[in-house]
Amino acid sequence: DGLDALLGGGLRPGSLTYLAGRPGMGATSLAVQAARDLRSGAVLFFSLDEPASRIRARCGGLGWLIDDMDFLTPAMIRDALRKRPDAAAAVIDPLELLCPDSDPNRTREQEFYERTAALRSLAREFDVPILCTASLPRSVENRSDRRPLLADLADGIGKDALACVDRVLFVFRRAYYKNKQISSAELILAKNSLGSTGVVPCQWTFDWDRGTLVFSEAER
């Protein structure tokens, strides 16, 4: 589809992708959907915000390793990857609740940089794609169109952390702010150190059986 083409074939081994949006936009749903599209190998899903039962329902009962511990560090993710050499991808949801490995008495930007650098290092070390959700700050809503920009993510995690990320994908649903019946959405590839950037127009529906949003490319 259009997003896979834009990404150059989907999630690429050894890469770090941040999937960002305002809370409720559907970043977790899209992360689950992207992981479901992987054809082989195990998915390690680290859920710091939702119970494992919820993620298991969202993924449709696939045999993922779902960890919903309240405390998680990059070192713990490394240990999990070492134990699963068949891992096809690792998903962390969300970045904000991931704890740093080092001294916690650092600035917010320093912490986000250390987390991001550690995740990128893990992606390279184990040659797997790592997908991490991130929340955009409320300042996004100060603009009339409310469409997310890289500057918004930089405001949230810092410029140094943003520089470590290979790809940044924003999910943007107009229905979040306006008429809830609006089914159009945009997947915005705002940064792509592995290729080009662009926007993929989408439609979204809600799968009541799995309790998750489902995105599909809009007809042209």
N, C-alpha and C. Protein backbone atom coordinates (compact mmCIF):
# COMPACT_ATOMS: atom_id res chain seq x y z
N ASP A 1 0.84 -1.20 0.00
CA ASP A 1 0.00 0.00 0.00
C ASP A 1 0.87 1.24 0.00
N GLY A 2 0.23 2.41 0.06
CA GLY A 2 0.96 3.66 -0.05
C GLY A 2 1.97 3.87 1.05
N LEU A 3 1.60 3.51 2.29
CA LEU A 3 2.52 3.71 3.41
C LEU A 3 3.72 2.77 3.28
N ASP A 4 3.49 1.51 2.94
CA ASP A 4 4.60 0.58 2.76
C ASP A 4 5.55 1.07 1.67
N ALA A 5 4.97 1.61 0.59
CA ALA A 5 5.80 2.12 -0.50
C ALA A 5 6.63 3.31 -0.02
N LEU A 6 5.99 4.18 0.77
CA LEU A 6 6.69 5.35 1.28
C LEU A 6 7.80 4.94 2.25
N LEU A 7 7.54 3.90 3.03
CA LEU A 7 8.53 3.42 3.98
C LEU A 7 9.59 2.55 3.33
N GLY A 8 9.42 2.25 2.05
CA GLY A 8 10.39 1.41 1.36
C GLY A 8 10.25 -0.05 1.71
N GLY A 9 8.99 -0.50 1.94
CA GLY A 9 8.75 -1.90 2.24
C GLY A 9 8.34 -2.16 3.67
N GLY A 10 7.98 -1.13 4.39
CA GLY A 10 7.51 -1.31 5.77
C GLY A 10 8.61 -1.06 6.79
N LEU A 11 8.42 -1.60 7.98
CA LEU A 11 9.41 -1.42 9.05
C LEU A 11 10.71 -2.12 8.67
N ARG A 12 11.80 -1.39 8.72
CA ARG A 12 13.07 -1.94 8.25
C ARG A 12 13.92 -2.40 9.43
N PRO A 13 14.51 -3.62 9.35
CA PRO A 13 15.39 -4.09 10.42
C PRO A 13 16.50 -3.09 10.72
N GLY A 14 16.77 -2.92 12.01
CA GLY A 14 17.84 -2.02 12.43
C GLY A 14 17.44 -0.57 12.52
N SER A 15 16.15 -0.28 12.33
CA SER A 15 15.70 1.12 12.34
C SER A 15 14.84 1.42 13.56
N LEU A 16 14.83 2.70 13.96
CA LEU A 16 14.00 3.18 15.06
C LEU A 16 12.96 4.15 14.49
N THR A 17 11.70 3.82 14.72
CA THR A 17 10.59 4.66 14.24
C THR A 17 9.77 5.14 15.41
N TYR A 18 9.48 6.44 15.43
CA TYR A 18 8.57 6.99 16.43
C TYR A 18 7.23 7.26 15.75
N LEU A 19 6.18 6.75 16.37
CA LEU A 19 4.81 6.94 15.88
C LEU A 19 4.12 7.86 16.87
N ALA A 20 3.84 9.07 16.46
CA ALA A 20 3.42 10.10 17.41
C ALA A 20 2.07 10.71 17.04
N GLY A 21 1.40 11.19 18.07
CA GLY A 21 0.12 11.88 17.89
C GLY A 21 -0.37 12.38 19.24
N ARG A 22 -1.39 13.19 19.20
CA ARG A 22 -2.00 13.62 20.45
C ARG A 22 -2.70 12.40 21.09
N PRO A 23 -2.82 12.36 22.42
CA PRO A 23 -3.51 11.24 23.07
C PRO A 23 -4.91 11.04 22.48
N GLY A 24 -5.22 9.80 22.12
CA GLY A 24 -6.52 9.48 21.53
C GLY A 24 -6.55 9.50 20.02
N MET A 25 -5.45 9.88 19.38
CA MET A 25 -5.39 9.93 17.92
C MET A 25 -5.36 8.55 17.30
N GLY A 26 -4.85 7.55 18.03
CA GLY A 26 -4.79 6.21 17.49
C GLY A 26 -3.39 5.68 17.28
N ALA A 27 -2.39 6.26 17.97
CA ALA A 27 -1.01 5.81 17.78
C ALA A 27 -0.82 4.35 18.21
N THR A 28 -1.42 3.98 19.34
CA THR A 28 -1.28 2.59 19.79
C THR A 28 -1.94 1.63 18.80
N SER A 29 -3.13 2.00 18.33
CA SER A 29 -3.82 1.16 17.34
C SER A 29 -2.98 0.98 16.08
N LEU A 30 -2.38 2.06 15.62
CA LEU A 30 -1.57 1.97 14.41
C LEU A 30 -0.30 1.17 14.65
N ALA A 31 0.27 1.29 15.84
CA ALA A 31 1.45 0.49 16.17
C ALA A 31 1.13 -1.00 16.14
N VAL A 32 -0.02 -1.37 16.72
CA VAL A 32 -0.46 -2.77 16.68
C VAL A 32 -0.68 -3.22 15.24
N GLN A 33 -1.31 -2.38 14.45
CA GLN A 33 -1.59 -2.74 13.06
C GLN A 33 -0.30 -2.92 12.27
N ALA A 34 0.67 -2.04 12.48
CA ALA A 34 1.96 -2.16 11.78
C ALA A 34 2.67 -3.44 12.17
N ALA A 35 2.61 -3.80 13.45
CA ALA A 35 3.26 -5.04 13.90
C ALA A 35 2.53 -6.27 13.36
N ARG A 36 1.21 -6.19 13.25
CA ARG A 36 0.43 -7.31 12.70
C ARG A 36 0.80 -7.59 11.25
N ASP A 37 1.24 -6.55 10.55
CA ASP A 37 1.56 -6.70 9.12
C ASP A 37 2.88 -7.43 8.88
N LEU A 38 3.67 -7.61 9.93
CA LEU A 38 4.92 -8.36 9.77
C LEU A 38 4.60 -9.82 9.47
N ARG A 39 5.30 -10.39 8.53
CA ARG A 39 4.94 -11.71 8.02
C ARG A 39 5.54 -12.87 8.82
N SER A 40 6.62 -12.64 9.55
CA SER A 40 7.25 -13.75 10.25
C SER A 40 7.95 -13.25 11.50
N GLY A 41 8.23 -14.19 12.40
CA GLY A 41 8.94 -13.85 13.62
C GLY A 41 8.01 -13.39 14.73
N ALA A 42 8.56 -13.32 15.93
CA ALA A 42 7.78 -12.92 17.10
C ALA A 42 7.84 -11.41 17.28
N VAL A 43 6.74 -10.86 17.80
CA VAL A 43 6.68 -9.44 18.13
C VAL A 43 6.76 -9.30 19.64
N LEU A 44 7.69 -8.49 20.12
CA LEU A 44 7.79 -8.19 21.54
C LEU A 44 7.09 -6.84 21.76
N PHE A 45 5.99 -6.87 22.49
CA PHE A 45 5.20 -5.65 22.70
C PHE A 45 5.27 -5.27 24.18
N PHE A 46 5.88 -4.11 24.44
CA PHE A 46 6.03 -3.62 25.80
C PHE A 46 4.98 -2.54 26.04
N SER A 47 3.94 -2.89 26.78
CA SER A 47 2.83 -1.98 27.00
C SER A 47 2.92 -1.39 28.41
N LEU A 48 3.24 -0.11 28.46
CA LEU A 48 3.37 0.57 29.74
C LEU A 48 2.11 1.35 30.12
N ASP A 49 1.12 1.32 29.23
CA ASP A 49 -0.08 2.12 29.45
C ASP A 49 -1.35 1.28 29.54
N GLU A 50 -1.38 0.13 28.85
CA GLU A 50 -2.57 -0.72 28.82
C GLU A 50 -2.21 -2.12 29.31
N PRO A 51 -3.17 -2.83 29.91
CA PRO A 51 -2.90 -4.21 30.34
C PRO A 51 -2.67 -5.13 29.15
N ALA A 52 -1.96 -6.21 29.39
CA ALA A 52 -1.65 -7.16 28.32
C ALA A 52 -2.92 -7.69 27.66
N SER A 53 -3.99 -7.87 28.45
CA SER A 53 -5.23 -8.40 27.90
C SER A 53 -5.79 -7.49 26.81
N ARG A 54 -5.65 -6.19 27.01
CA ARG A 54 -6.14 -5.23 26.01
C ARG A 54 -5.32 -5.31 24.73
N ILE A 55 -4.01 -5.38 24.85
CA ILE A 55 -3.16 -5.48 23.66
C ILE A 55 -3.40 -6.81 22.95
N ARG A 56 -3.60 -7.88 23.74
CA ARG A 56 -3.87 -9.19 23.15
C ARG A 56 -5.15 -9.15 22.32
N ALA A 57 -6.16 -8.45 22.82
CA ALA A 57 -7.41 -8.31 22.06
C ALA A 57 -7.18 -7.48 20.80
N ARG A 58 -6.40 -6.43 20.92
CA ARG A 58 -6.13 -5.56 19.78
C ARG A 58 -5.41 -6.33 18.67
N CYS A 59 -4.48 -7.22 19.04
CA CYS A 59 -3.69 -7.90 18.01
C CYS A 59 -4.40 -9.15 17.48
N GLY A 60 -5.58 -9.42 18.00
CA GLY A 60 -6.37 -10.52 17.46
C GLY A 60 -5.89 -11.90 17.87
N GLY A 61 -5.27 -12.00 19.05
CA GLY A 61 -4.87 -13.31 19.55
C GLY A 61 -3.60 -13.87 18.94
N LEU A 62 -2.81 -13.02 18.27
CA LEU A 62 -1.55 -13.50 17.72
C LEU A 62 -0.60 -13.85 18.87
N GLY A 63 0.35 -14.72 18.59
CA GLY A 63 1.24 -15.20 19.64
C GLY A 63 2.36 -14.24 19.97
N TRP A 64 2.03 -13.00 20.31
CA TRP A 64 3.04 -12.02 20.67
C TRP A 64 3.48 -12.21 22.11
N LEU A 65 4.69 -11.78 22.40
CA LEU A 65 5.15 -11.70 23.79
C LEU A 65 4.80 -10.29 24.27
N ILE A 66 3.81 -10.21 25.15
CA ILE A 66 3.31 -8.91 25.61
C ILE A 66 3.70 -8.72 27.07
N ASP A 67 4.41 -7.65 27.32
CA ASP A 67 4.90 -7.34 28.66
C ASP A 67 4.23 -6.06 29.12
N ASP A 68 3.47 -6.13 30.22
CA ASP A 68 2.79 -4.93 30.71
C ASP A 68 3.27 -4.53 32.11
N MET A 69 4.56 -4.75 32.36
CA MET A 69 5.13 -4.34 33.64
C MET A 69 5.06 -2.82 33.80
N ASP A 70 4.95 -2.36 35.03
CA ASP A 70 4.88 -0.93 35.29
C ASP A 70 6.23 -0.25 35.12
N PHE A 71 7.32 -1.03 35.18
CA PHE A 71 8.66 -0.47 35.12
C PHE A 71 9.43 -1.13 33.99
N LEU A 72 10.02 -0.31 33.12
CA LEU A 72 10.76 -0.85 31.97
C LEU A 72 11.90 0.09 31.64
N THR A 73 13.07 -0.49 31.36
CA THR A 73 14.24 0.27 30.93
C THR A 73 14.77 -0.32 29.63
N PRO A 74 15.59 0.42 28.89
CA PRO A 74 16.21 -0.16 27.69
C PRO A 74 17.00 -1.43 27.98
N ALA A 75 17.64 -1.50 29.16
CA ALA A 75 18.40 -2.72 29.50
C ALA A 75 17.48 -3.93 29.61
N MET A 76 16.27 -3.73 30.10
CA MET A 76 15.31 -4.82 30.21
C MET A 76 14.83 -5.25 28.83
N ILE A 77 14.70 -4.29 27.92
CA ILE A 77 14.33 -4.62 26.54
C ILE A 77 15.44 -5.43 25.89
N ARG A 78 16.70 -5.06 26.16
CA ARG A 78 17.85 -5.81 25.63
C ARG A 78 17.80 -7.26 26.12
N ASP A 79 17.53 -7.45 27.39
CA ASP A 79 17.46 -8.81 27.92
C ASP A 79 16.37 -9.63 27.23
N ALA A 80 15.23 -9.00 26.99
CA ALA A 80 14.12 -9.69 26.33
C ALA A 80 14.49 -10.07 24.90
N LEU A 81 15.18 -9.17 24.19
CA LEU A 81 15.59 -9.46 22.82
C LEU A 81 16.63 -10.58 22.77
N ARG A 82 17.49 -10.61 23.74
CA ARG A 82 18.49 -11.68 23.79
C ARG A 82 17.83 -13.05 23.96
N LYS A 83 16.75 -13.08 24.72
CA LYS A 83 16.05 -14.34 24.97
C LYS A 83 15.20 -14.78 23.79
N ARG A 84 14.92 -13.85 22.85
CA ARG A 84 14.07 -14.17 21.70
C ARG A 84 14.80 -13.83 20.41
N PRO A 85 15.74 -14.68 19.99
CA PRO A 85 16.46 -14.42 18.74
C PRO A 85 15.56 -14.45 17.52
N ASP A 86 14.33 -14.98 17.69
CA ASP A 86 13.39 -15.01 16.57
C ASP A 86 12.56 -13.74 16.47
N ALA A 87 12.87 -12.74 17.29
CA ALA A 87 12.06 -11.51 17.31
C ALA A 87 12.10 -10.81 15.96
N ALA A 88 10.91 -10.44 15.48
CA ALA A 88 10.80 -9.71 14.22
C ALA A 88 10.73 -8.21 14.44
N ALA A 89 10.31 -7.80 15.65
CA ALA A 89 10.18 -6.39 15.96
C ALA A 89 9.94 -6.22 17.45
N ALA A 90 10.22 -5.02 17.93
CA ALA A 90 9.88 -4.65 19.31
C ALA A 90 9.08 -3.36 19.27
N VAL A 91 8.00 -3.33 20.05
CA VAL A 91 7.14 -2.15 20.13
C VAL A 91 7.11 -1.67 21.57
N ILE A 92 7.31 -0.37 21.78
CA ILE A 92 7.24 0.22 23.12
C ILE A 92 6.13 1.25 23.10
N ASP A 93 5.21 1.14 24.05
CA ASP A 93 4.05 2.03 24.09
C ASP A 93 3.76 2.44 25.53
N PRO A 94 3.99 3.73 25.88
CA PRO A 94 4.57 4.81 25.09
C PRO A 94 5.98 5.16 25.58
N LEU A 95 6.66 6.00 24.81
CA LEU A 95 8.01 6.45 25.14
C LEU A 95 8.06 7.15 26.49
N GLU A 96 7.04 7.92 26.79
CA GLU A 96 7.06 8.76 28.00
C GLU A 96 7.19 7.94 29.28
N LEU A 97 6.74 6.70 29.28
CA LEU A 97 6.76 5.87 30.49
C LEU A 97 7.97 4.94 30.54
N LEU A 98 8.81 4.97 29.51
CA LEU A 98 10.05 4.19 29.53
C LEU A 98 11.04 4.88 30.46
N CYS A 99 11.66 4.13 31.36
CA CYS A 99 12.60 4.70 32.33
C CYS A 99 14.02 4.65 31.78
N PRO A 100 14.83 5.65 32.08
CA PRO A 100 16.22 5.62 31.62
C PRO A 100 17.04 4.61 32.41
N ASP A 101 18.13 4.14 31.81
CA ASP A 101 19.03 3.20 32.49
C ASP A 101 19.93 3.91 33.49
N SER A 102 20.22 5.18 33.24
CA SER A 102 21.20 5.89 34.06
C SER A 102 20.53 6.74 35.13
N ASP A 103 21.29 7.67 35.67
CA ASP A 103 20.83 8.54 36.75
C ASP A 103 19.54 9.25 36.36
N PRO A 104 18.45 9.06 37.12
CA PRO A 104 17.19 9.70 36.78
C PRO A 104 17.18 11.20 37.04
N ASN A 105 18.18 11.70 37.78
CA ASN A 105 18.20 13.13 38.12
C ASN A 105 18.82 13.94 36.99
N ARG A 106 18.17 13.87 35.84
CA ARG A 106 18.61 14.60 34.66
C ARG A 106 17.46 15.44 34.15
N THR A 107 17.77 16.33 33.21
CA THR A 107 16.70 17.13 32.63
C THR A 107 15.82 16.23 31.77
N ARG A 108 14.64 16.71 31.50
CA ARG A 108 13.69 15.96 30.67
C ARG A 108 14.29 15.66 29.30
N GLU A 109 14.93 16.66 28.70
CA GLU A 109 15.52 16.45 27.38
C GLU A 109 16.66 15.43 27.42
N GLN A 110 17.47 15.47 28.48
CA GLN A 110 18.55 14.49 28.61
C GLN A 110 18.01 13.07 28.74
N GLU A 111 16.93 12.93 29.51
CA GLU A 111 16.32 11.61 29.67
C GLU A 111 15.79 11.08 28.35
N PHE A 112 15.07 11.93 27.60
CA PHE A 112 14.53 11.49 26.32
C PHE A 112 15.64 11.15 25.33
N TYR A 113 16.73 11.92 25.37
CA TYR A 113 17.85 11.61 24.48
C TYR A 113 18.45 10.25 24.83
N GLU A 114 18.66 9.99 26.12
CA GLU A 114 19.25 8.72 26.53
C GLU A 114 18.35 7.55 26.17
N ARG A 115 17.04 7.69 26.37
CA ARG A 115 16.11 6.62 26.00
C ARG A 115 16.16 6.36 24.50
N THR A 116 16.13 7.45 23.73
CA THR A 116 16.10 7.32 22.27
C THR A 116 17.40 6.74 21.73
N ALA A 117 18.52 7.21 22.24
CA ALA A 117 19.81 6.67 21.79
C ALA A 117 19.94 5.20 22.14
N ALA A 118 19.43 4.82 23.31
CA ALA A 118 19.48 3.41 23.71
C ALA A 118 18.61 2.54 22.81
N LEU A 119 17.42 3.03 22.46
CA LEU A 119 16.53 2.26 21.58
C LEU A 119 17.13 2.11 20.18
N ARG A 120 17.74 3.19 19.68
CA ARG A 120 18.38 3.09 18.36
C ARG A 120 19.52 2.08 18.40
N SER A 121 20.29 2.09 19.49
CA SER A 121 21.39 1.14 19.63
C SER A 121 20.87 -0.30 19.65
N LEU A 122 19.74 -0.53 20.32
CA LEU A 122 19.15 -1.87 20.36
C LEU A 122 18.68 -2.31 18.98
N ALA A 123 18.09 -1.40 18.23
CA ALA A 123 17.65 -1.74 16.87
C ALA A 123 18.83 -2.19 16.02
N ARG A 124 19.96 -1.49 16.15
CA ARG A 124 21.15 -1.84 15.37
C ARG A 124 21.75 -3.15 15.88
N GLU A 125 21.83 -3.29 17.20
CA GLU A 125 22.48 -4.46 17.79
C GLU A 125 21.78 -5.76 17.42
N PHE A 126 20.44 -5.75 17.46
CA PHE A 126 19.68 -6.97 17.20
C PHE A 126 19.10 -7.03 15.79
N ASP A 127 19.36 -5.98 14.99
CA ASP A 127 18.90 -5.93 13.60
C ASP A 127 17.40 -6.17 13.49
N VAL A 128 16.63 -5.50 14.35
CA VAL A 128 15.17 -5.57 14.30
C VAL A 128 14.62 -4.15 14.25
N PRO A 129 13.45 -3.97 13.65
CA PRO A 129 12.82 -2.65 13.74
C PRO A 129 12.25 -2.43 15.14
N ILE A 130 12.46 -1.24 15.66
CA ILE A 130 11.85 -0.86 16.93
C ILE A 130 10.88 0.28 16.67
N LEU A 131 9.65 0.09 17.11
CA LEU A 131 8.58 1.07 16.92
C LEU A 131 8.15 1.55 18.29
N CYS A 132 8.14 2.85 18.46
CA CYS A 132 7.82 3.43 19.77
C CYS A 132 6.78 4.53 19.59
N THR A 133 5.72 4.48 20.37
CA THR A 133 4.72 5.55 20.31
C THR A 133 5.16 6.71 21.19
N ALA A 134 4.69 7.90 20.83
CA ALA A 134 5.02 9.10 21.60
C ALA A 134 3.85 10.07 21.53
N SER A 135 3.64 10.78 22.61
CA SER A 135 2.56 11.76 22.67
C SER A 135 3.07 13.14 22.32
N LEU A 136 2.31 13.85 21.51
CA LEU A 136 2.68 15.22 21.16
C LEU A 136 2.14 16.19 22.20
N PRO A 137 2.83 17.30 22.43
CA PRO A 137 2.39 18.26 23.44
C PRO A 137 1.11 18.99 23.01
N ARG A 138 0.44 19.57 24.00
CA ARG A 138 -0.82 20.28 23.76
C ARG A 138 -0.65 21.49 22.84
N SER A 139 0.58 21.99 22.71
CA SER A 139 0.81 23.17 21.87
C SER A 139 0.41 22.95 20.42
N VAL A 140 0.32 21.68 19.99
CA VAL A 140 -0.15 21.37 18.62
C VAL A 140 -1.50 22.02 18.38
N GLU A 141 -2.32 22.07 19.40
CA GLU A 141 -3.70 22.52 19.25
C GLU A 141 -3.81 24.04 19.22
N ASN A 142 -2.68 24.75 19.34
CA ASN A 142 -2.71 26.20 19.24
C ASN A 142 -2.78 26.68 17.80
N ARG A 143 -2.46 25.78 16.84
CA ARG A 143 -2.54 26.16 15.44
C ARG A 143 -3.93 25.85 14.91
N SER A 144 -4.36 26.60 13.90
CA SER A 144 -5.72 26.44 13.39
C SER A 144 -5.95 25.07 12.75
N ASP A 145 -4.96 24.54 12.02
CA ASP A 145 -5.18 23.25 11.34
C ASP A 145 -4.82 22.06 12.24
N ARG A 146 -4.06 22.29 13.32
CA ARG A 146 -3.68 21.28 14.31
C ARG A 146 -2.92 20.10 13.72
N ARG A 147 -2.42 20.26 12.50
CA ARG A 147 -1.65 19.18 11.88
C ARG A 147 -0.26 19.13 12.52
N PRO A 148 0.20 17.96 12.96
CA PRO A 148 1.47 17.86 13.68
C PRO A 148 2.68 18.14 12.79
N LEU A 149 3.71 18.71 13.43
CA LEU A 149 4.97 19.02 12.77
C LEU A 149 6.13 18.44 13.58
N LEU A 150 7.27 18.30 12.92
CA LEU A 150 8.45 17.80 13.63
C LEU A 150 8.80 18.70 14.81
N ALA A 151 8.55 20.00 14.67
CA ALA A 151 8.85 20.93 15.76
C ALA A 151 8.04 20.60 17.01
N ASP A 152 6.85 20.06 16.83
CA ASP A 152 6.03 19.68 17.98
C ASP A 152 6.68 18.53 18.75
N LEU A 153 7.17 17.54 18.02
CA LEU A 153 7.83 16.41 18.69
C LEU A 153 9.13 16.87 19.34
N ALA A 154 9.85 17.78 18.67
CA ALA A 154 11.08 18.32 19.26
C ALA A 154 10.78 19.06 20.56
N ASP A 155 9.65 19.75 20.61
CA ASP A 155 9.27 20.44 21.84
C ASP A 155 9.01 19.44 22.97
N GLY A 156 8.52 18.24 22.60
CA GLY A 156 8.19 17.25 23.61
C GLY A 156 9.38 16.45 24.09
N ILE A 157 10.29 16.06 23.17
CA ILE A 157 11.39 15.16 23.55
C ILE A 157 12.76 15.79 23.40
N GLY A 158 12.83 16.92 22.74
CA GLY A 158 14.12 17.58 22.55
C GLY A 158 14.71 17.32 21.17
N LYS A 159 15.49 18.26 20.69
CA LYS A 159 16.07 18.15 19.34
C LYS A 159 17.11 17.03 19.26
N ASP A 160 17.88 16.81 20.32
CA ASP A 160 18.90 15.76 20.27
C ASP A 160 18.27 14.38 20.16
N ALA A 161 17.17 14.16 20.90
CA ALA A 161 16.48 12.88 20.81
C ALA A 161 15.88 12.69 19.42
N LEU A 162 15.28 13.75 18.90
CA LEU A 162 14.68 13.67 17.57
C LEU A 162 15.72 13.32 16.52
N ALA A 163 16.93 13.83 16.68
CA ALA A 163 18.00 13.55 15.71
C ALA A 163 18.38 12.08 15.69
N CYS A 164 18.12 11.36 16.78
CA CYS A 164 18.47 9.93 16.86
C CYS A 164 17.48 9.02 16.15
N VAL A 165 16.30 9.53 15.86
CA VAL A 165 15.22 8.70 15.31
C VAL A 165 15.37 8.60 13.80
N ASP A 166 15.24 7.38 13.27
CA ASP A 166 15.35 7.20 11.83
C ASP A 166 14.11 7.70 11.09
N ARG A 167 12.95 7.41 11.68
CA ARG A 167 11.68 7.80 11.04
C ARG A 167 10.72 8.34 12.08
N VAL A 168 9.95 9.33 11.67
CA VAL A 168 8.88 9.87 12.51
C VAL A 168 7.59 9.84 11.69
N LEU A 169 6.61 9.14 12.22
CA LEU A 169 5.31 9.00 11.56
C LEU A 169 4.24 9.58 12.48
N PHE A 170 3.50 10.56 11.97
CA PHE A 170 2.40 11.15 12.73
C PHE A 170 1.07 10.57 12.27
N VAL A 171 0.18 10.33 13.21
CA VAL A 171 -1.20 9.95 12.87
C VAL A 171 -2.08 11.14 13.21
N PHE A 172 -2.90 11.53 12.23
CA PHE A 172 -3.72 12.74 12.36
C PHE A 172 -5.14 12.45 11.89
N ARG A 173 -6.09 12.50 12.82
CA ARG A 173 -7.51 12.29 12.50
C ARG A 173 -8.28 13.57 12.79
N ARG A 174 -8.90 14.14 11.77
CA ARG A 174 -9.67 15.37 11.96
C ARG A 174 -10.84 15.16 12.93
N ALA A 175 -11.37 13.93 12.94
CA ALA A 175 -12.52 13.65 13.80
C ALA A 175 -12.19 13.86 15.27
N TYR A 176 -10.93 13.87 15.59
CA TYR A 176 -10.50 14.08 16.97
C TYR A 176 -10.96 15.47 17.46
N TYR A 177 -10.98 16.42 16.53
CA TYR A 177 -11.33 17.80 16.89
C TYR A 177 -12.70 18.23 16.41
N LYS A 178 -13.19 17.57 15.37
CA LYS A 178 -14.44 18.04 14.76
C LYS A 178 -15.51 16.96 14.84
N ASN A 179 -16.27 16.85 13.77
CA ASN A 179 -17.35 15.87 13.69
C ASN A 179 -16.79 14.46 13.84
N LYS A 180 -17.26 13.73 14.85
CA LYS A 180 -16.73 12.38 15.11
C LYS A 180 -17.04 11.40 13.98
N GLN A 181 -17.93 11.78 13.06
CA GLN A 181 -18.26 10.90 11.95
C GLN A 181 -17.27 11.01 10.80
N ILE A 182 -16.38 11.98 10.87
CA ILE A 182 -15.38 12.13 9.81
C ILE A 182 -14.43 10.93 9.87
N SER A 183 -14.34 10.18 8.79
CA SER A 183 -13.54 8.96 8.79
C SER A 183 -12.18 9.13 8.13
N SER A 184 -11.88 10.33 7.65
CA SER A 184 -10.60 10.53 6.98
C SER A 184 -9.48 10.71 7.99
N ALA A 185 -8.28 10.33 7.59
CA ALA A 185 -7.10 10.47 8.43
C ALA A 185 -5.88 10.66 7.54
N GLU A 186 -4.80 11.10 8.15
CA GLU A 186 -3.55 11.24 7.42
C GLU A 186 -2.44 10.55 8.22
N LEU A 187 -1.63 9.77 7.53
CA LEU A 187 -0.41 9.23 8.10
C LEU A 187 0.73 10.04 7.49
N ILE A 188 1.40 10.81 8.32
CA ILE A 188 2.38 11.79 7.86
C ILE A 188 3.78 11.30 8.20
N LEU A 189 4.52 10.91 7.18
CA LEU A 189 5.92 10.51 7.39
C LEU A 189 6.75 11.79 7.32
N ALA A 190 7.01 12.37 8.49
CA ALA A 190 7.63 13.69 8.57
C ALA A 190 9.16 13.64 8.55
N LYS A 191 9.72 12.51 8.95
CA LYS A 191 11.17 12.31 8.89
C LYS A 191 11.46 10.90 8.43
N ASN A 192 12.41 10.78 7.52
CA ASN A 192 12.77 9.46 7.01
C ASN A 192 14.21 9.50 6.54
N SER A 193 15.11 9.11 7.42
CA SER A 193 16.53 9.11 7.05
C SER A 193 16.86 7.99 6.08
N LEU A 194 15.88 7.11 5.82
CA LEU A 194 16.09 5.97 4.93
C LEU A 194 15.44 6.17 3.56
N GLY A 195 14.84 7.33 3.33
CA GLY A 195 14.15 7.56 2.07
C GLY A 195 13.42 8.89 2.07
N SER A 196 12.31 8.93 1.34
CA SER A 196 11.57 10.18 1.18
C SER A 196 10.49 10.32 2.25
N THR A 197 9.96 11.52 2.38
CA THR A 197 8.85 11.80 3.28
C THR A 197 7.58 11.99 2.45
N GLY A 198 6.45 12.07 3.14
CA GLY A 198 5.20 12.25 2.41
C GLY A 198 4.00 12.01 3.31
N VAL A 199 2.83 12.12 2.70
CA VAL A 199 1.56 11.95 3.41
C VAL A 199 0.72 10.90 2.70
N VAL A 200 0.15 9.97 3.48
CA VAL A 200 -0.72 8.94 2.93
C VAL A 200 -2.14 9.19 3.44
N PRO A 201 -3.08 9.58 2.56
CA PRO A 201 -4.47 9.75 2.99
C PRO A 201 -5.07 8.39 3.36
N CYS A 202 -5.79 8.34 4.47
CA CYS A 202 -6.35 7.09 4.96
C CYS A 202 -7.80 7.26 5.38
N GLN A 203 -8.44 6.13 5.61
CA GLN A 203 -9.74 6.07 6.26
C GLN A 203 -9.57 5.26 7.53
N TRP A 204 -10.36 5.57 8.55
CA TRP A 204 -10.30 4.78 9.77
C TRP A 204 -11.69 4.29 10.15
N THR A 205 -11.70 3.12 10.73
CA THR A 205 -12.93 2.55 11.28
C THR A 205 -12.59 2.01 12.68
N PHE A 206 -13.62 1.70 13.45
CA PHE A 206 -13.38 1.12 14.77
C PHE A 206 -13.84 -0.33 14.76
N ASP A 207 -12.91 -1.22 15.08
CA ASP A 207 -13.20 -2.65 15.16
C ASP A 207 -13.69 -2.95 16.58
N TRP A 208 -15.00 -3.11 16.73
CA TRP A 208 -15.57 -3.30 18.06
C TRP A 208 -15.17 -4.65 18.67
N ASP A 209 -14.93 -5.64 17.82
CA ASP A 209 -14.55 -6.96 18.35
C ASP A 209 -13.18 -6.91 19.02
N ARG A 210 -12.26 -6.16 18.41
CA ARG A 210 -10.91 -6.09 18.96
C ARG A 210 -10.67 -4.84 19.80
N GLY A 211 -11.63 -3.91 19.75
CA GLY A 211 -11.48 -2.69 20.54
C GLY A 211 -10.34 -1.82 20.08
N THR A 212 -10.23 -1.61 18.77
CA THR A 212 -9.10 -0.85 18.26
C THR A 212 -9.47 -0.14 16.97
N LEU A 213 -8.80 0.97 16.69
CA LEU A 213 -8.95 1.64 15.41
C LEU A 213 -8.22 0.84 14.34
N VAL A 214 -8.77 0.86 13.13
CA VAL A 214 -8.13 0.20 11.99
C VAL A 214 -8.00 1.23 10.87
N PHE A 215 -6.80 1.38 10.36
CA PHE A 215 -6.54 2.35 9.30
C PHE A 215 -6.36 1.63 7.97
N SER A 216 -6.91 2.22 6.91
CA SER A 216 -6.75 1.67 5.56
C SER A 216 -6.53 2.82 4.59
N GLU A 217 -5.76 2.55 3.54
CA GLU A 217 -5.46 3.61 2.59
C GLU A 217 -6.73 4.05 1.88
N ALA A 218 -6.90 5.37 1.73
CA ALA A 218 -8.09 5.92 1.08
C ALA A 218 -8.05 5.62 -0.41
N GLU A 219 -9.23 5.40 -0.98
CA GLU A 219 -9.32 5.18 -2.42
C GLU A 219 -9.04 6.47 -3.15
N ARG A 220 -8.38 6.33 -4.29
CA ARG A 220 -8.01 7.53 -5.07
C ARG A 220 -8.75 7.54 -6.40
